[in-house]
Amino acid sequence: MPERYEYTGTLLYRSDGNEVEKVERGDVIEPTESELDSFGDSLRPLGQAETADEPDTADETATEASTDDAEESDAETSEAPIDPSEYTIDELDEEIAEGDYSKAAISAILEAEQGGDDRNGAVGTIQAHLDA
């Protein structure tokens, strides 16, 4: 049986030639050798110990269960939950819209964009989510 891995990256699209599968953080997959070579740093073998910046699924669920705690955590760390430079503007808009991000987290994403690529369209998109 092929080894199973947890995807720890932000978003991955994989194809077997016939259909495309969307893989999100926390999903468990059986990657091909090519995927291991390409995305190995974003794949954690199941059973491998967690690192400090990779919370396990139970911790994420507990954090999401308490919105107040999540917002306080975002405000304290002010670290962006995603790297906006890894997204096109449309993908970034969709990720923020579908994600459960606090205002503090969206502010951190905005700061990350402004401190990085500083794309006008991305800044406007993120700002629109803050103003919503």
C-alpha atoms as a PDB file:
ATOM      1  CA  MET A   1       0.000   0.000   0.000  1.00  0.00           C
ATOM      2  CA  PRO A   2       1.438   3.443  -0.951  1.00  0.00           C
ATOM      3  CA  GLU A   3       2.545   5.708   1.866  1.00  0.00           C
ATOM      4  CA  ARG A   4       0.049   8.389   2.862  1.00  0.00           C
ATOM      5  CA  TYR A   5       0.978  12.012   3.517  1.00  0.00           C
ATOM      6  CA  GLU A   6      -0.761  15.036   4.953  1.00  0.00           C
ATOM      7  CA  TYR A   7      -0.578  18.113   2.730  1.00  0.00           C
ATOM      8  CA  THR A   8       0.689  21.085   4.775  1.00  0.00           C
ATOM      9  CA  GLY A   9       0.811  23.689   2.000  1.00  0.00           C
ATOM     10  CA  THR A  10      -1.827  26.233   1.127  1.00  0.00           C
ATOM     11  CA  LEU A  11      -3.446  24.808  -2.009  1.00  0.00           C
ATOM     12  CA  LEU A  12      -2.513  22.186  -4.603  1.00  0.00           C
ATOM     13  CA  TYR A  13      -4.183  21.006  -7.757  1.00  0.00           C
ATOM     14  CA  ARG A  14      -3.189  17.532  -8.909  1.00  0.00           C
ATOM     15  CA  SER A  15      -4.209  15.589 -11.988  1.00  0.00           C
ATOM     16  CA  ASP A  16      -4.078  11.936 -12.944  1.00  0.00           C
ATOM     17  CA  GLY A  17      -4.529  12.841 -16.605  1.00  0.00           C
ATOM     18  CA  ASN A  18      -8.302  12.455 -16.517  1.00  0.00           C
ATOM     19  CA  GLU A  19      -9.507  14.641 -13.672  1.00  0.00           C
ATOM     20  CA  VAL A  20      -8.170  17.413 -11.469  1.00  0.00           C
ATOM     21  CA  GLU A  21      -8.271  17.127  -7.681  1.00  0.00           C
ATOM     22  CA  LYS A  22      -8.067  20.119  -5.344  1.00  0.00           C
ATOM     23  CA  VAL A  23      -5.916  19.390  -2.290  1.00  0.00           C
ATOM     24  CA  GLU A  24      -6.083  21.724   0.700  1.00  0.00           C
ATOM     25  CA  ARG A  25      -4.077  21.970   3.915  1.00  0.00           C
ATOM     26  CA  GLY A  26      -4.742  18.945   6.129  1.00  0.00           C
ATOM     27  CA  ASP A  27      -5.910  16.648   3.320  1.00  0.00           C
ATOM     28  CA  VAL A  28      -4.374  13.161   3.292  1.00  0.00           C
ATOM     29  CA  ILE A  29      -3.078  11.962  -0.088  1.00  0.00           C
ATOM     30  CA  GLU A  30      -0.983   9.192  -1.600  1.00  0.00           C
ATOM     31  CA  PRO A  31       1.434  11.267  -3.712  1.00  0.00           C
ATOM     32  CA  THR A  32       3.230  10.057  -6.808  1.00  0.00           C
ATOM     33  CA  GLU A  33       7.031  10.076  -6.897  1.00  0.00           C
ATOM     34  CA  SER A  34       6.850  13.225  -9.043  1.00  0.00           C
ATOM     35  CA  GLU A  35       4.618  14.961  -6.462  1.00  0.00           C
ATOM     36  CA  LEU A  36       7.005  13.931  -3.677  1.00  0.00           C
ATOM     37  CA  ASP A  37       9.884  15.460  -5.632  1.00  0.00           C
ATOM     38  CA  SER A  38       7.970  18.663  -6.403  1.00  0.00           C
ATOM     39  CA  PHE A  39       6.034  19.207  -3.188  1.00  0.00           C
ATOM     40  CA  GLY A  40       7.990  17.179  -0.642  1.00  0.00           C
ATOM     41  CA  ASP A  41       8.445  20.158   1.661  1.00  0.00           C
ATOM     42  CA  SER A  42       4.637  20.515   1.823  1.00  0.00           C
ATOM     43  CA  LEU A  43       3.979  16.832   2.537  1.00  0.00           C
ATOM     44  CA  ARG A  44       4.269  15.255   5.983  1.00  0.00           C
ATOM     45  CA  PRO A  45       4.213  11.464   6.255  1.00  0.00           C
ATOM     46  CA  LEU A  46       1.402  10.362   8.528  1.00  0.00           C
ATOM     47  CA  GLY A  47       2.727   9.446  11.924  1.00  0.00           C
ATOM     48  CA  GLN A  48       5.611  11.934  11.707  1.00  0.00           C
ATOM     49  CA  ALA A  49       5.862  14.274  14.675  1.00  0.00           C
ATOM     50  CA  GLU A  50       4.423  17.757  14.296  1.00  0.00           C
ATOM     51  CA  THR A  51       6.690  20.778  14.125  1.00  0.00           C
ATOM     52  CA  ALA A  52       5.994  23.992  16.004  1.00  0.00           C
ATOM     53  CA  ASP A  53       4.537  25.772  12.958  1.00  0.00           C
ATOM     54  CA  GLU A  54       2.393  22.842  11.802  1.00  0.00           C
ATOM     55  CA  PRO A  55      -0.496  22.414  14.270  1.00  0.00           C
ATOM     56  CA  ASP A  56      -2.301  19.111  14.116  1.00  0.00           C
ATOM     57  CA  THR A  57      -5.887  18.906  12.910  1.00  0.00           C
ATOM     58  CA  ALA A  58      -7.266  18.533  16.448  1.00  0.00           C
ATOM     59  CA  ASP A  59      -5.560  21.776  17.482  1.00  0.00           C
ATOM     60  CA  GLU A  60      -6.933  23.589  14.428  1.00  0.00           C
ATOM     61  CA  THR A  61     -10.452  22.326  15.153  1.00  0.00           C
ATOM     62  CA  ALA A  62     -10.229  23.428  18.784  1.00  0.00           C
ATOM     63  CA  THR A  63      -8.997  26.860  17.699  1.00  0.00           C
ATOM     64  CA  GLU A  64     -11.751  27.243  15.121  1.00  0.00           C
ATOM     65  CA  ALA A  65     -14.358  26.241  17.700  1.00  0.00           C
ATOM     66  CA  SER A  66     -13.543  29.350  19.703  1.00  0.00           C
ATOM     67  CA  THR A  67     -13.755  32.393  17.426  1.00  0.00           C
ATOM     68  CA  ASP A  68     -12.740  34.770  20.210  1.00  0.00           C
ATOM     69  CA  ASP A  69      -9.567  32.780  20.902  1.00  0.00           C
ATOM     70  CA  ALA A  70      -8.742  32.667  17.185  1.00  0.00           C
ATOM     71  CA  GLU A  71      -9.160  36.427  16.835  1.00  0.00           C
ATOM     72  CA  GLU A  72      -7.024  37.076  19.924  1.00  0.00           C
ATOM     73  CA  SER A  73      -4.350  34.745  18.569  1.00  0.00           C
ATOM     74  CA  ASP A  74      -4.372  36.507  15.197  1.00  0.00           C
ATOM     75  CA  ALA A  75      -4.105  39.902  16.875  1.00  0.00           C
ATOM     76  CA  GLU A  76      -1.230  38.769  19.082  1.00  0.00           C
ATOM     77  CA  THR A  77       0.878  37.177  16.359  1.00  0.00           C
ATOM     78  CA  SER A  78      -0.152  39.375  13.406  1.00  0.00           C
ATOM     79  CA  GLU A  79       1.397  36.724  11.157  1.00  0.00           C
ATOM     80  CA  ALA A  80      -0.482  36.238   7.902  1.00  0.00           C
ATOM     81  CA  PRO A  81      -2.271  32.865   7.803  1.00  0.00           C
ATOM     82  CA  ILE A  82      -1.506  32.631   4.071  1.00  0.00           C
ATOM     83  CA  ASP A  83       1.183  34.016   1.785  1.00  0.00           C
ATOM     84  CA  PRO A  84      -0.679  36.275  -0.664  1.00  0.00           C
ATOM     85  CA  SER A  85       2.195  36.106  -3.163  1.00  0.00           C
ATOM     86  CA  GLU A  86       1.321  32.436  -3.749  1.00  0.00           C
ATOM     87  CA  TYR A  87      -2.074  33.435  -5.199  1.00  0.00           C
ATOM     88  CA  THR A  88      -3.315  35.228  -8.270  1.00  0.00           C
ATOM     89  CA  ILE A  89      -5.626  38.102  -7.368  1.00  0.00           C
ATOM     90  CA  ASP A  90      -8.725  36.043  -8.224  1.00  0.00           C
ATOM     91  CA  GLU A  91      -7.453  33.080  -6.179  1.00  0.00           C
ATOM     92  CA  LEU A  92      -6.659  35.397  -3.269  1.00  0.00           C
ATOM     93  CA  ASP A  93     -10.159  36.890  -3.392  1.00  0.00           C
ATOM     94  CA  GLU A  94     -11.687  33.392  -3.383  1.00  0.00           C
ATOM     95  CA  GLU A  95      -9.432  32.147  -0.560  1.00  0.00           C
ATOM     96  CA  ILE A  96     -10.287  35.075   1.708  1.00  0.00           C
ATOM     97  CA  ALA A  97     -13.999  34.875   0.852  1.00  0.00           C
ATOM     98  CA  GLU A  98     -14.195  31.137   1.538  1.00  0.00           C
ATOM     99  CA  GLY A  99     -11.779  31.107   4.471  1.00  0.00           C
ATOM    100  CA  ASP A 100     -12.807  31.783   8.041  1.00  0.00           C
ATOM    101  CA  TYR A 101     -10.369  34.641   8.643  1.00  0.00           C
ATOM    102  CA  SER A 102     -10.751  37.246  11.360  1.00  0.00           C
ATOM    103  CA  LYS A 103     -10.273  40.942  10.590  1.00  0.00           C
ATOM    104  CA  ALA A 104      -6.855  40.720  12.271  1.00  0.00           C
ATOM    105  CA  ALA A 105      -5.870  37.831   9.996  1.00  0.00           C
ATOM    106  CA  ILE A 106      -7.030  39.714   6.892  1.00  0.00           C
ATOM    107  CA  SER A 107      -5.063  42.764   8.097  1.00  0.00           C
ATOM    108  CA  ALA A 108      -1.999  40.531   8.410  1.00  0.00           C
ATOM    109  CA  ILE A 109      -2.558  39.271   4.853  1.00  0.00           C
ATOM    110  CA  LEU A 110      -2.772  42.904   3.698  1.00  0.00           C
ATOM    111  CA  GLU A 111       0.479  43.740   5.498  1.00  0.00           C
ATOM    112  CA  ALA A 112       2.164  40.700   3.945  1.00  0.00           C
ATOM    113  CA  GLU A 113       1.055  41.792   0.457  1.00  0.00           C
ATOM    114  CA  GLN A 114       2.175  45.380   1.034  1.00  0.00           C
ATOM    115  CA  GLY A 115       5.514  44.189   2.379  1.00  0.00           C
ATOM    116  CA  GLY A 116       5.975  41.779  -0.513  1.00  0.00           C
ATOM    117  CA  ASP A 117       4.712  42.055  -4.081  1.00  0.00           C
ATOM    118  CA  ASP A 118       2.482  45.064  -3.243  1.00  0.00           C
ATOM    119  CA  ARG A 119       0.158  44.459  -6.199  1.00  0.00           C
ATOM    120  CA  ASN A 120      -2.485  47.183  -6.498  1.00  0.00           C
ATOM    121  CA  GLY A 121      -5.227  44.689  -7.384  1.00  0.00           C
ATOM    122  CA  ALA A 122      -4.351  42.372  -4.512  1.00  0.00           C
ATOM    123  CA  VAL A 123      -4.200  45.247  -2.018  1.00  0.00           C
ATOM    124  CA  GLY A 124      -7.617  46.463  -3.221  1.00  0.00           C
ATOM    125  CA  THR A 125      -9.107  42.980  -3.007  1.00  0.00           C
ATOM    126  CA  ILE A 126      -7.825  42.397   0.529  1.00  0.00           C
ATOM    127  CA  GLN A 127      -8.937  45.880   1.600  1.00  0.00           C
ATOM    128  CA  ALA A 128     -12.434  45.167   0.236  1.00  0.00           C
ATOM    129  CA  HIS A 129     -12.639  42.111   2.518  1.00  0.00           C
ATOM    130  CA  LEU A 130     -11.548  44.229   5.482  1.00  0.00           C
ATOM    131  CA  ASP A 131     -14.195  46.824   4.684  1.00  0.00           C
ATOM    132  CA  ALA A 132     -16.952  44.213   4.251  1.00  0.00           C
END
